[in-house]
N, C-alpha and C. Protein backbone atom coordinates (compact mmCIF):
# COMPACT_ATOMS: atom_id res chain seq x y z
N UNK A 1 -0.30 -0.53 5.76
CA UNK A 1 0.58 -1.03 4.96
C UNK A 1 1.21 0.01 4.23
N UNK A 2 2.52 0.29 3.88
CA UNK A 2 3.17 1.41 3.29
C UNK A 2 3.96 1.07 2.04
N UNK A 3 4.14 1.81 1.57
CA UNK A 3 4.68 1.50 0.34
C UNK A 3 5.48 2.56 -0.32
N UNK A 4 7.76 3.37 -1.07
CA UNK A 4 8.50 2.83 -2.14
C UNK A 4 9.56 3.52 -3.07
N UNK A 5 11.81 3.51 -4.91
CA UNK A 5 12.69 4.62 -5.23
C UNK A 5 13.38 4.48 -6.56
N UNK A 6 13.57 5.45 -7.32
CA UNK A 6 14.36 5.35 -8.55
C UNK A 6 14.60 6.70 -9.25
N UNK A 7 15.45 6.76 -10.45
CA UNK A 7 15.90 8.08 -10.90
C UNK A 7 15.97 8.32 -12.41
N UNK A 8 15.75 9.52 -12.91
CA UNK A 8 15.76 10.03 -14.30
C UNK A 8 14.75 11.18 -14.35
N UNK A 9 14.94 12.21 -15.22
CA UNK A 9 14.15 13.44 -15.08
C UNK A 9 13.23 13.70 -16.27
N UNK A 10 12.04 14.24 -15.98
CA UNK A 10 11.09 14.62 -17.02
C UNK A 10 10.79 16.10 -16.85
N UNK A 11 10.89 16.89 -17.92
CA UNK A 11 10.62 18.32 -17.84
C UNK A 11 9.35 18.65 -18.60
N UNK A 12 8.38 19.22 -17.87
CA UNK A 12 7.12 19.66 -18.46
C UNK A 12 6.71 20.92 -17.71
N UNK A 13 5.73 21.61 -18.20
CA UNK A 13 5.24 22.77 -17.46
C UNK A 13 4.54 22.31 -16.21
N UNK A 14 4.44 23.17 -15.20
CA UNK A 14 3.83 22.76 -13.94
C UNK A 14 2.37 22.41 -14.13
N UNK A 15 1.67 23.08 -15.04
CA UNK A 15 0.27 22.76 -15.30
C UNK A 15 0.16 21.37 -15.93
N UNK A 16 1.04 21.10 -16.87
CA UNK A 16 1.05 19.78 -17.52
C UNK A 16 1.35 18.69 -16.53
N UNK A 17 2.24 18.96 -15.57
CA UNK A 17 2.56 18.00 -14.51
C UNK A 17 1.30 17.52 -13.82
N UNK A 18 0.55 18.48 -13.26
CA UNK A 18 -0.61 18.13 -12.45
C UNK A 18 -1.67 17.42 -13.28
N UNK A 19 -1.90 17.93 -14.49
CA UNK A 19 -2.94 17.36 -15.33
C UNK A 19 -2.59 15.93 -15.74
N UNK A 20 -1.35 15.68 -16.19
CA UNK A 20 -0.94 14.35 -16.60
C UNK A 20 -0.91 13.39 -15.42
N UNK A 21 -0.47 13.87 -14.28
CA UNK A 21 -0.41 13.03 -13.09
C UNK A 21 -1.81 12.58 -12.68
N UNK A 22 -2.76 13.48 -12.70
CA UNK A 22 -4.13 13.14 -12.32
C UNK A 22 -4.73 12.13 -13.28
N UNK A 23 -4.47 12.31 -14.57
CA UNK A 23 -4.98 11.37 -15.57
C UNK A 23 -4.40 9.98 -15.36
N UNK A 24 -3.09 9.91 -15.13
CA UNK A 24 -2.43 8.63 -14.92
C UNK A 24 -2.94 7.94 -13.67
N UNK A 25 -3.07 8.67 -12.57
CA UNK A 25 -3.56 8.09 -11.32
C UNK A 25 -4.99 7.58 -11.48
N UNK A 26 -5.81 8.33 -12.18
CA UNK A 26 -7.19 7.89 -12.41
C UNK A 26 -7.25 6.66 -13.31
N UNK A 27 -6.33 6.57 -14.27
CA UNK A 27 -6.25 5.37 -15.12
C UNK A 27 -5.92 4.14 -14.29
N UNK A 28 -4.96 4.31 -13.37
CA UNK A 28 -4.57 3.20 -12.48
C UNK A 28 -5.74 2.79 -11.60
N UNK A 29 -6.42 3.77 -11.03
CA UNK A 29 -7.56 3.50 -10.14
C UNK A 29 -8.67 2.77 -10.90
N UNK A 30 -9.03 3.26 -12.08
CA UNK A 30 -10.09 2.64 -12.87
C UNK A 30 -9.72 1.22 -13.29
N UNK A 31 -8.45 1.01 -13.64
CA UNK A 31 -8.00 -0.31 -14.09
C UNK A 31 -8.09 -1.32 -12.94
N UNK A 32 -7.59 -0.93 -11.78
CA UNK A 32 -7.58 -1.87 -10.65
C UNK A 32 -8.98 -2.12 -10.10
N UNK A 33 -9.84 -1.09 -10.13
CA UNK A 33 -11.21 -1.27 -9.63
C UNK A 33 -12.04 -2.16 -10.55
N UNK A 34 -11.57 -2.37 -11.77
CA UNK A 34 -12.31 -3.22 -12.71
C UNK A 34 -12.11 -4.71 -12.40
N UNK A 35 -11.12 -5.03 -11.57
CA UNK A 35 -10.86 -6.42 -11.23
C UNK A 35 -11.76 -6.87 -10.08
N UNK A 36 -12.16 -8.14 -10.12
CA UNK A 36 -12.96 -8.69 -9.02
C UNK A 36 -12.12 -8.79 -7.75
N UNK A 37 -10.87 -9.19 -7.91
CA UNK A 37 -9.95 -9.23 -6.78
C UNK A 37 -8.52 -9.12 -7.28
N UNK A 38 -7.61 -8.80 -6.37
CA UNK A 38 -6.20 -8.63 -6.71
C UNK A 38 -5.36 -9.38 -5.67
N UNK A 39 -4.38 -10.15 -6.15
CA UNK A 39 -3.44 -10.85 -5.27
C UNK A 39 -2.04 -10.32 -5.54
N UNK A 40 -1.39 -9.81 -4.51
CA UNK A 40 -0.07 -9.20 -4.68
C UNK A 40 0.95 -9.85 -3.75
N UNK A 41 2.10 -10.19 -4.31
CA UNK A 41 3.25 -10.63 -3.53
C UNK A 41 4.25 -9.48 -3.60
N UNK A 42 4.79 -9.06 -2.45
CA UNK A 42 5.62 -7.85 -2.46
C UNK A 42 6.83 -7.96 -1.54
N UNK A 43 7.78 -7.05 -1.79
CA UNK A 43 8.94 -6.89 -0.90
C UNK A 43 8.76 -5.58 -0.15
N UNK A 44 9.05 -5.63 1.15
CA UNK A 44 8.86 -4.47 2.02
C UNK A 44 10.19 -4.12 2.66
N UNK A 45 10.63 -2.88 2.48
CA UNK A 45 11.91 -2.43 3.02
C UNK A 45 11.69 -1.18 3.87
N UNK A 46 12.22 -1.21 5.09
CA UNK A 46 12.14 -0.06 6.01
C UNK A 46 13.55 0.41 6.29
N UNK A 47 13.83 1.70 6.01
CA UNK A 47 15.17 2.24 6.18
C UNK A 47 15.14 3.55 6.96
N UNK A 48 16.10 3.70 7.87
CA UNK A 48 16.33 4.97 8.54
C UNK A 48 17.82 5.01 8.87
N UNK A 49 18.58 5.72 8.05
CA UNK A 49 20.04 5.75 8.18
C UNK A 49 20.49 6.28 9.53
N UNK A 50 19.88 7.35 10.00
CA UNK A 50 20.30 7.96 11.28
C UNK A 50 20.07 7.03 12.46
N UNK A 51 19.08 6.13 12.34
CA UNK A 51 18.78 5.20 13.42
C UNK A 51 19.38 3.82 13.15
N UNK A 52 20.16 3.71 12.07
CA UNK A 52 20.80 2.44 11.68
C UNK A 52 19.78 1.32 11.53
N UNK A 53 18.65 1.65 10.90
CA UNK A 53 17.59 0.67 10.68
C UNK A 53 17.56 0.30 9.20
N UNK A 54 17.59 -0.99 8.93
CA UNK A 54 17.46 -1.49 7.56
C UNK A 54 16.80 -2.87 7.64
N UNK A 55 15.49 -2.86 7.47
CA UNK A 55 14.70 -4.07 7.63
C UNK A 55 14.05 -4.43 6.31
N UNK A 56 14.21 -5.69 5.90
CA UNK A 56 13.64 -6.14 4.64
C UNK A 56 12.86 -7.43 4.87
N UNK A 57 11.68 -7.50 4.31
CA UNK A 57 10.86 -8.70 4.43
C UNK A 57 9.96 -8.82 3.22
N UNK A 58 9.27 -9.94 3.13
CA UNK A 58 8.32 -10.16 2.05
C UNK A 58 6.93 -10.33 2.64
N UNK A 59 5.95 -10.09 1.83
CA UNK A 59 4.58 -10.26 2.28
C UNK A 59 3.66 -10.50 1.11
N UNK A 60 2.40 -10.74 1.41
CA UNK A 60 1.41 -10.91 0.36
C UNK A 60 0.06 -10.41 0.85
N UNK A 61 -0.77 -10.02 -0.08
CA UNK A 61 -2.08 -9.49 0.27
C UNK A 61 -3.08 -9.85 -0.83
N UNK A 62 -4.30 -10.16 -0.41
CA UNK A 62 -5.41 -10.36 -1.33
C UNK A 62 -6.43 -9.26 -1.03
N UNK A 63 -6.84 -8.53 -2.06
CA UNK A 63 -7.76 -7.40 -1.90
C UNK A 63 -9.00 -7.64 -2.74
N UNK A 64 -10.15 -7.44 -2.13
CA UNK A 64 -11.42 -7.49 -2.86
C UNK A 64 -12.30 -6.37 -2.33
N UNK A 65 -12.44 -5.32 -3.12
CA UNK A 65 -13.16 -4.15 -2.63
C UNK A 65 -12.39 -3.54 -1.46
N UNK A 66 -13.09 -3.32 -0.34
CA UNK A 66 -12.44 -2.80 0.86
C UNK A 66 -11.86 -3.91 1.72
N UNK A 67 -12.20 -5.15 1.42
CA UNK A 67 -11.74 -6.28 2.23
C UNK A 67 -10.32 -6.68 1.82
N UNK A 68 -9.56 -7.18 2.80
CA UNK A 68 -8.24 -7.69 2.47
C UNK A 68 -7.75 -8.68 3.52
N UNK A 69 -6.81 -9.53 3.09
CA UNK A 69 -6.06 -10.40 4.00
C UNK A 69 -4.59 -10.12 3.72
N UNK A 70 -3.88 -9.66 4.73
CA UNK A 70 -2.48 -9.26 4.60
C UNK A 70 -1.60 -10.13 5.49
N UNK A 71 -0.54 -10.69 4.92
CA UNK A 71 0.44 -11.47 5.68
C UNK A 71 1.79 -10.78 5.60
N UNK A 72 2.33 -10.38 6.77
CA UNK A 72 3.62 -9.70 6.80
C UNK A 72 4.20 -9.75 8.21
N UNK A 73 5.51 -9.89 8.31
CA UNK A 73 6.22 -9.87 9.59
C UNK A 73 5.66 -10.88 10.58
N UNK A 74 5.21 -12.03 10.07
CA UNK A 74 4.69 -13.07 10.94
C UNK A 74 3.28 -12.85 11.42
N UNK A 75 2.65 -11.75 10.97
CA UNK A 75 1.28 -11.42 11.36
C UNK A 75 0.33 -11.61 10.19
N UNK A 76 -0.93 -11.89 10.51
CA UNK A 76 -1.98 -11.92 9.51
C UNK A 76 -3.04 -10.91 9.90
N UNK A 77 -3.42 -10.06 8.95
CA UNK A 77 -4.50 -9.11 9.19
C UNK A 77 -5.67 -9.45 8.26
N UNK A 78 -6.85 -9.55 8.86
CA UNK A 78 -8.07 -9.79 8.10
C UNK A 78 -8.98 -8.59 8.30
N UNK A 79 -9.36 -7.95 7.20
CA UNK A 79 -10.27 -6.81 7.29
C UNK A 79 -11.51 -7.13 6.47
N UNK A 80 -12.68 -7.15 7.13
CA UNK A 80 -13.91 -7.55 6.45
C UNK A 80 -14.79 -6.37 6.04
N UNK A 81 -14.21 -5.19 6.05
CA UNK A 81 -14.95 -3.99 5.67
C UNK A 81 -15.38 -3.15 6.85
N UNK A 82 -15.48 -3.78 8.02
CA UNK A 82 -15.87 -3.04 9.22
C UNK A 82 -14.96 -3.33 10.41
N UNK A 83 -14.39 -4.52 10.44
CA UNK A 83 -13.57 -4.93 11.59
C UNK A 83 -12.22 -5.46 11.14
N UNK A 84 -11.18 -5.07 11.86
CA UNK A 84 -9.82 -5.51 11.57
C UNK A 84 -9.37 -6.52 12.62
N UNK A 85 -8.94 -7.69 12.16
CA UNK A 85 -8.44 -8.74 13.03
C UNK A 85 -6.94 -8.91 12.76
N UNK A 86 -6.13 -8.71 13.78
CA UNK A 86 -4.68 -8.91 13.65
C UNK A 86 -4.29 -10.14 14.45
N UNK A 87 -3.78 -11.14 13.75
CA UNK A 87 -3.49 -12.44 14.35
C UNK A 87 -1.98 -12.62 14.48
N UNK A 88 -1.53 -12.87 15.71
CA UNK A 88 -0.11 -13.05 15.99
C UNK A 88 0.12 -14.46 16.55
N UNK A 89 0.53 -15.42 15.70
CA UNK A 89 0.80 -16.78 16.18
C UNK A 89 1.90 -16.81 17.25
N UNK A 90 2.91 -15.95 17.11
CA UNK A 90 4.01 -15.93 18.07
C UNK A 90 3.52 -15.59 19.47
N UNK A 91 2.62 -14.62 19.57
CA UNK A 91 2.09 -14.20 20.88
C UNK A 91 0.80 -14.94 21.24
N UNK A 92 0.30 -15.74 20.29
CA UNK A 92 -0.99 -16.42 20.47
C UNK A 92 -2.06 -15.40 20.90
N UNK A 93 -2.17 -14.35 20.10
CA UNK A 93 -3.07 -13.26 20.41
C UNK A 93 -3.78 -12.77 19.15
N UNK A 94 -5.06 -12.43 19.31
CA UNK A 94 -5.83 -11.81 18.24
C UNK A 94 -6.30 -10.45 18.73
N UNK A 95 -5.94 -9.40 18.00
CA UNK A 95 -6.38 -8.05 18.34
C UNK A 95 -7.51 -7.66 17.40
N UNK A 96 -8.63 -7.22 17.99
CA UNK A 96 -9.81 -6.87 17.21
C UNK A 96 -10.12 -5.40 17.40
N UNK A 97 -10.30 -4.69 16.28
CA UNK A 97 -10.63 -3.26 16.35
C UNK A 97 -11.60 -2.91 15.25
N UNK A 98 -12.42 -1.90 15.50
CA UNK A 98 -13.33 -1.43 14.47
C UNK A 98 -12.54 -0.64 13.45
N UNK A 99 -13.15 -0.37 12.32
CA UNK A 99 -12.48 0.36 11.25
C UNK A 99 -12.11 1.76 11.71
N UNK A 100 -10.81 2.05 11.74
CA UNK A 100 -10.36 3.40 12.09
C UNK A 100 -9.34 3.91 11.09
N UNK A 101 -9.41 3.40 9.85
CA UNK A 101 -8.40 3.75 8.86
C UNK A 101 -8.39 5.23 8.52
N UNK A 102 -9.53 5.91 8.70
CA UNK A 102 -9.55 7.33 8.37
C UNK A 102 -8.70 8.14 9.32
N UNK A 103 -8.41 7.57 10.50
CA UNK A 103 -7.62 8.30 11.48
C UNK A 103 -6.14 7.97 11.37
N UNK A 104 -5.79 7.00 10.51
CA UNK A 104 -4.41 6.56 10.41
C UNK A 104 -3.71 7.30 9.28
N UNK A 105 -2.41 7.53 9.46
CA UNK A 105 -1.62 8.11 8.38
C UNK A 105 -1.03 7.02 7.50
N UNK A 106 -1.01 5.79 7.99
CA UNK A 106 -0.46 4.68 7.23
C UNK A 106 -1.34 4.36 6.03
N UNK A 107 -0.70 4.06 4.92
CA UNK A 107 -1.42 3.69 3.72
C UNK A 107 -1.70 2.19 3.78
N UNK A 108 -2.92 1.82 4.12
CA UNK A 108 -3.30 0.43 4.28
C UNK A 108 -3.62 -0.19 2.92
N UNK A 109 -3.67 -1.55 2.83
CA UNK A 109 -3.97 -2.18 1.54
C UNK A 109 -5.24 -1.68 0.90
N UNK A 110 -6.30 -1.48 1.70
CA UNK A 110 -7.56 -1.04 1.12
C UNK A 110 -7.51 0.40 0.63
N UNK A 111 -6.53 1.17 1.08
CA UNK A 111 -6.40 2.56 0.65
C UNK A 111 -5.31 2.74 -0.41
N UNK A 112 -4.56 1.67 -0.69
CA UNK A 112 -3.39 1.80 -1.56
C UNK A 112 -3.74 2.32 -2.94
N UNK A 113 -4.94 1.98 -3.43
CA UNK A 113 -5.32 2.35 -4.79
C UNK A 113 -6.04 3.68 -4.87
N UNK A 114 -6.40 4.26 -3.73
CA UNK A 114 -7.20 5.49 -3.78
C UNK A 114 -6.78 6.55 -2.77
N UNK A 115 -5.71 6.30 -2.00
CA UNK A 115 -5.31 7.24 -0.94
C UNK A 115 -5.02 8.64 -1.47
N UNK A 116 -4.58 8.72 -2.72
CA UNK A 116 -4.17 10.01 -3.30
C UNK A 116 -5.36 10.93 -3.57
N UNK A 117 -6.59 10.38 -3.58
CA UNK A 117 -7.75 11.17 -3.98
C UNK A 117 -8.06 12.30 -3.01
N UNK A 118 -7.62 12.16 -1.76
CA UNK A 118 -7.87 13.21 -0.78
C UNK A 118 -6.58 13.47 0.01
N UNK A 119 -6.29 14.75 0.23
CA UNK A 119 -5.19 15.09 1.12
C UNK A 119 -3.82 15.24 0.48
N UNK A 120 -3.74 15.13 -0.85
CA UNK A 120 -2.44 15.23 -1.52
C UNK A 120 -2.52 16.14 -2.75
N UNK A 121 -1.41 16.79 -3.04
CA UNK A 121 -1.20 17.39 -4.35
C UNK A 121 -0.23 16.46 -5.07
N UNK A 122 -0.26 16.44 -6.39
CA UNK A 122 0.61 15.50 -7.09
C UNK A 122 1.10 16.07 -8.41
N UNK A 123 2.23 15.51 -8.85
CA UNK A 123 2.84 15.94 -10.11
C UNK A 123 3.69 14.81 -10.65
N UNK A 124 3.91 14.83 -11.97
CA UNK A 124 4.75 13.82 -12.58
C UNK A 124 6.18 13.98 -12.07
N UNK A 125 6.85 12.84 -11.89
CA UNK A 125 8.24 12.86 -11.43
C UNK A 125 9.11 12.11 -12.43
N UNK A 126 10.07 11.35 -11.96
CA UNK A 126 11.04 10.68 -12.83
C UNK A 126 10.45 9.48 -13.57
N UNK A 127 11.16 9.04 -14.60
CA UNK A 127 10.85 7.83 -15.33
C UNK A 127 12.06 6.91 -15.23
N UNK A 128 11.82 5.63 -15.02
CA UNK A 128 12.94 4.69 -14.98
C UNK A 128 12.63 3.44 -15.78
N UNK A 129 13.65 2.91 -16.44
CA UNK A 129 13.52 1.65 -17.16
C UNK A 129 13.92 0.51 -16.22
N UNK A 130 12.97 -0.36 -15.89
CA UNK A 130 13.23 -1.48 -15.00
C UNK A 130 13.03 -2.78 -15.78
N UNK A 131 14.13 -3.38 -16.20
CA UNK A 131 14.09 -4.63 -16.96
C UNK A 131 13.15 -4.53 -18.16
N UNK A 132 13.27 -3.42 -18.88
CA UNK A 132 12.47 -3.22 -20.08
C UNK A 132 11.09 -2.62 -19.84
N UNK A 133 10.76 -2.41 -18.57
CA UNK A 133 9.46 -1.80 -18.24
C UNK A 133 9.65 -0.32 -17.97
N UNK A 134 8.78 0.51 -18.54
CA UNK A 134 8.83 1.95 -18.29
C UNK A 134 8.02 2.25 -17.03
N UNK A 135 8.72 2.68 -15.99
CA UNK A 135 8.06 3.00 -14.73
C UNK A 135 8.01 4.51 -14.56
N UNK A 136 6.79 5.03 -14.58
CA UNK A 136 6.57 6.47 -14.41
C UNK A 136 6.23 6.76 -12.95
N UNK A 137 6.98 7.67 -12.34
CA UNK A 137 6.73 8.03 -10.95
C UNK A 137 5.86 9.27 -10.85
N UNK A 138 4.98 9.24 -9.88
CA UNK A 138 4.16 10.39 -9.53
C UNK A 138 4.51 10.79 -8.11
N UNK A 139 4.82 12.06 -7.89
CA UNK A 139 5.17 12.56 -6.57
C UNK A 139 3.93 13.13 -5.90
N UNK A 140 3.67 12.67 -4.68
CA UNK A 140 2.52 13.14 -3.93
C UNK A 140 2.99 13.82 -2.65
N UNK A 141 2.46 15.02 -2.42
CA UNK A 141 2.82 15.80 -1.24
C UNK A 141 1.58 16.03 -0.37
N UNK A 142 1.66 15.69 0.92
CA UNK A 142 0.50 15.89 1.80
C UNK A 142 0.12 17.36 1.90
N UNK A 143 -1.17 17.64 1.86
CA UNK A 143 -1.66 19.01 2.02
C UNK A 143 -1.54 19.44 3.47
N UNK A 144 -1.75 18.51 4.39
CA UNK A 144 -1.67 18.77 5.82
C UNK A 144 -0.21 18.96 6.23
N UNK A 145 0.16 20.14 6.64
CA UNK A 145 1.56 20.42 7.02
C UNK A 145 1.97 19.69 8.29
N UNK A 146 1.00 19.18 9.04
CA UNK A 146 1.32 18.43 10.27
C UNK A 146 1.44 16.93 10.03
N UNK A 147 1.29 16.52 8.78
CA UNK A 147 1.39 15.10 8.46
C UNK A 147 2.78 14.57 8.76
N UNK A 148 2.85 13.32 9.24
CA UNK A 148 4.14 12.68 9.50
C UNK A 148 4.81 12.25 8.21
N UNK A 149 4.04 12.26 7.12
CA UNK A 149 4.57 11.89 5.82
C UNK A 149 5.12 13.12 5.10
N UNK A 150 6.35 13.04 4.66
CA UNK A 150 6.96 14.14 3.92
C UNK A 150 6.58 14.07 2.44
N UNK A 151 6.60 12.85 1.91
CA UNK A 151 6.39 12.69 0.48
C UNK A 151 6.10 11.22 0.16
N UNK A 152 5.33 11.01 -0.89
CA UNK A 152 5.08 9.66 -1.39
C UNK A 152 5.40 9.63 -2.87
N UNK A 153 6.13 8.61 -3.30
CA UNK A 153 6.41 8.40 -4.72
C UNK A 153 5.72 7.11 -5.14
N UNK A 154 4.89 7.21 -6.16
CA UNK A 154 4.16 6.05 -6.65
C UNK A 154 4.69 5.69 -8.02
N UNK A 155 5.28 4.51 -8.14
CA UNK A 155 5.81 4.03 -9.42
C UNK A 155 4.76 3.23 -10.17
N UNK A 156 4.49 3.62 -11.41
CA UNK A 156 3.41 3.01 -12.19
C UNK A 156 3.95 2.47 -13.50
N UNK A 157 3.63 1.22 -13.81
CA UNK A 157 4.00 0.63 -15.10
C UNK A 157 3.18 1.33 -16.18
N UNK A 158 3.85 2.06 -17.06
CA UNK A 158 3.15 2.88 -18.05
C UNK A 158 2.34 2.04 -19.03
N UNK A 159 2.71 0.77 -19.21
CA UNK A 159 2.01 -0.09 -20.17
C UNK A 159 0.78 -0.75 -19.54
N UNK A 160 0.96 -1.37 -18.38
CA UNK A 160 -0.15 -2.11 -17.76
C UNK A 160 -1.03 -1.24 -16.88
N UNK A 161 -0.52 -0.06 -16.48
CA UNK A 161 -1.21 0.83 -15.53
C UNK A 161 -1.37 0.17 -14.16
N UNK A 162 -0.43 -0.72 -13.84
CA UNK A 162 -0.40 -1.35 -12.52
C UNK A 162 0.65 -0.67 -11.66
N UNK A 163 0.46 -0.68 -10.36
CA UNK A 163 1.44 -0.11 -9.45
C UNK A 163 2.66 -1.04 -9.37
N UNK A 164 3.84 -0.47 -9.59
CA UNK A 164 5.09 -1.23 -9.48
C UNK A 164 5.65 -1.12 -8.07
N UNK A 165 5.70 0.10 -7.54
CA UNK A 165 6.15 0.26 -6.16
C UNK A 165 5.63 1.56 -5.55
N UNK A 166 5.76 1.63 -4.25
CA UNK A 166 5.33 2.81 -3.51
C UNK A 166 6.40 3.14 -2.48
N UNK A 167 6.86 4.38 -2.51
CA UNK A 167 7.90 4.83 -1.59
C UNK A 167 7.32 5.92 -0.70
N UNK A 168 7.30 5.66 0.59
CA UNK A 168 6.79 6.65 1.54
C UNK A 168 7.97 7.18 2.36
N UNK A 169 8.16 8.49 2.34
CA UNK A 169 9.27 9.13 3.05
C UNK A 169 8.69 9.94 4.20
N UNK A 170 9.12 9.61 5.42
CA UNK A 170 8.62 10.30 6.60
C UNK A 170 9.48 11.49 6.96
N UNK A 171 8.90 12.41 7.72
CA UNK A 171 9.64 13.59 8.15
C UNK A 171 10.74 13.22 9.14
N UNK A 172 10.66 12.04 9.74
CA UNK A 172 11.68 11.59 10.68
C UNK A 172 12.83 10.88 9.98
N UNK A 173 12.82 10.88 8.64
CA UNK A 173 13.91 10.28 7.88
C UNK A 173 13.69 8.82 7.52
N UNK A 174 12.58 8.26 7.93
CA UNK A 174 12.28 6.86 7.62
C UNK A 174 11.73 6.74 6.21
N UNK A 175 12.26 5.78 5.46
CA UNK A 175 11.77 5.52 4.11
C UNK A 175 11.25 4.09 4.03
N UNK A 176 10.00 3.96 3.62
CA UNK A 176 9.38 2.66 3.49
C UNK A 176 9.13 2.39 2.01
N UNK A 177 9.61 1.26 1.52
CA UNK A 177 9.48 0.93 0.11
C UNK A 177 8.74 -0.40 -0.04
N UNK A 178 7.65 -0.37 -0.79
CA UNK A 178 6.90 -1.57 -1.10
C UNK A 178 6.99 -1.80 -2.60
N UNK A 179 7.61 -2.93 -2.99
CA UNK A 179 7.79 -3.24 -4.40
C UNK A 179 7.01 -4.49 -4.76
N UNK A 180 6.20 -4.41 -5.79
CA UNK A 180 5.36 -5.54 -6.21
C UNK A 180 6.19 -6.56 -6.99
N UNK A 181 6.22 -7.80 -6.48
CA UNK A 181 6.92 -8.88 -7.18
C UNK A 181 5.99 -9.60 -8.15
N UNK A 182 4.75 -9.78 -7.75
CA UNK A 182 3.76 -10.41 -8.65
C UNK A 182 2.40 -9.76 -8.42
N UNK A 183 1.65 -9.62 -9.50
CA UNK A 183 0.36 -8.94 -9.47
C UNK A 183 -0.62 -9.80 -10.25
N UNK A 184 -1.51 -10.48 -9.53
CA UNK A 184 -2.48 -11.37 -10.18
C UNK A 184 -3.89 -10.85 -9.94
N UNK A 185 -4.75 -11.08 -10.90
CA UNK A 185 -6.12 -10.57 -10.80
C UNK A 185 -7.14 -11.67 -11.03
N UNK A 186 -8.32 -11.48 -10.43
CA UNK A 186 -9.47 -12.37 -10.62
C UNK A 186 -9.12 -13.84 -10.35
N UNK A 187 -8.36 -14.05 -9.27
CA UNK A 187 -8.01 -15.41 -8.86
C UNK A 187 -9.20 -16.05 -8.12
N UNK A 188 -9.36 -17.38 -8.22
CA UNK A 188 -10.41 -18.04 -7.44
C UNK A 188 -10.06 -17.99 -5.95
N UNK A 189 -10.93 -17.44 -5.13
CA UNK A 189 -10.67 -17.32 -3.70
C UNK A 189 -11.85 -17.87 -2.91
N UNK A 190 -11.59 -18.30 -1.70
CA UNK A 190 -12.63 -18.85 -0.85
C UNK A 190 -13.64 -17.77 -0.47
N UNK A 191 -14.91 -18.16 -0.35
CA UNK A 191 -15.95 -17.22 0.05
C UNK A 191 -15.77 -16.75 1.49
N UNK A 192 -15.00 -17.53 2.27
CA UNK A 192 -14.80 -17.19 3.68
C UNK A 192 -13.42 -16.58 3.94
N UNK A 193 -12.72 -16.22 2.87
CA UNK A 193 -11.35 -15.71 3.02
C UNK A 193 -11.29 -14.51 3.95
N UNK A 194 -12.27 -13.62 3.88
CA UNK A 194 -12.25 -12.39 4.66
C UNK A 194 -13.10 -12.50 5.94
N UNK A 195 -13.40 -13.73 6.31
CA UNK A 195 -14.19 -13.97 7.52
C UNK A 195 -13.30 -14.53 8.62
N UNK A 196 -13.30 -13.89 9.77
CA UNK A 196 -12.51 -14.36 10.91
C UNK A 196 -13.23 -15.52 11.58
N UNK A 197 -12.55 -16.67 11.69
CA UNK A 197 -13.12 -17.87 12.31
C UNK A 197 -12.53 -18.03 13.71
N UNK A 198 -13.27 -17.60 14.70
CA UNK A 198 -12.79 -17.62 16.08
C UNK A 198 -12.44 -19.02 16.55
N UNK A 199 -13.12 -20.05 16.01
CA UNK A 199 -12.88 -21.42 16.46
C UNK A 199 -11.46 -21.91 16.17
N UNK A 200 -10.79 -21.26 15.22
CA UNK A 200 -9.41 -21.65 14.89
C UNK A 200 -8.40 -21.13 15.92
N UNK A 201 -8.86 -20.24 16.79
CA UNK A 201 -7.93 -19.58 17.73
C UNK A 201 -8.44 -19.69 19.16
N UNK A 202 -8.93 -20.89 19.51
CA UNK A 202 -9.50 -21.11 20.83
C UNK A 202 -8.55 -20.87 21.97
N UNK A 203 -7.25 -21.13 21.75
CA UNK A 203 -6.24 -20.96 22.81
C UNK A 203 -5.62 -19.56 22.81
N UNK A 204 -6.03 -18.71 21.87
CA UNK A 204 -5.43 -17.38 21.76
C UNK A 204 -6.11 -16.41 22.72
N UNK A 205 -5.34 -15.41 23.14
CA UNK A 205 -5.90 -14.31 23.93
C UNK A 205 -6.58 -13.34 22.96
N UNK A 206 -7.83 -13.02 23.22
CA UNK A 206 -8.58 -12.10 22.36
C UNK A 206 -8.54 -10.71 22.97
N UNK A 207 -7.91 -9.78 22.27
CA UNK A 207 -7.74 -8.42 22.74
C UNK A 207 -8.63 -7.49 21.94
N UNK A 208 -9.74 -7.04 22.55
CA UNK A 208 -10.67 -6.14 21.87
C UNK A 208 -10.34 -4.69 22.26
N UNK A 209 -10.01 -3.89 21.25
CA UNK A 209 -9.61 -2.51 21.50
C UNK A 209 -10.79 -1.56 21.65
N UNK A 210 -11.97 -1.93 21.14
CA UNK A 210 -13.13 -1.07 21.27
C UNK A 210 -14.41 -1.90 21.28
């Protein structure tokens, strides 16, 4: 899952940049980890001007620890901490794979709150006023020079310490923006929400990747 753009400048020393950015990111991480679960409704935009691509859609995700249920682009993904189930009603297919998120460059829902902890350098970036909310951006640069990601901008509500949006810019010119429309915490959820029920998909083709 990827995630996000806006403008105005903050001038500080380079040492202050890194130190303040780390403190802010850790505040966000600690705040979100204190919740039993998080329910997010979001807008997802994929842009690549050179390829004439401009795709916009909405989605939602429920996260509890490493587990999540993600609905986007007509697909449902259920991750129970060890196995990922991707359900495609249009194709009547369920794809099952073991956890391989460490090998992916994509920022998945379970990594959205902690992906910055490894593999990135970061510094404070711009501040923007969004409908009265102060959104502080943190710029993250991959340490791996072979990464397909050029840069990530994480927009954080300075008051709530919640993520407002995430902008991922690829080296191929693709920009992916995930903007949070609603952010709810500690909602009552079913005990079986993160459990894949095979009986519901008896007519589906089951594609096991490993």
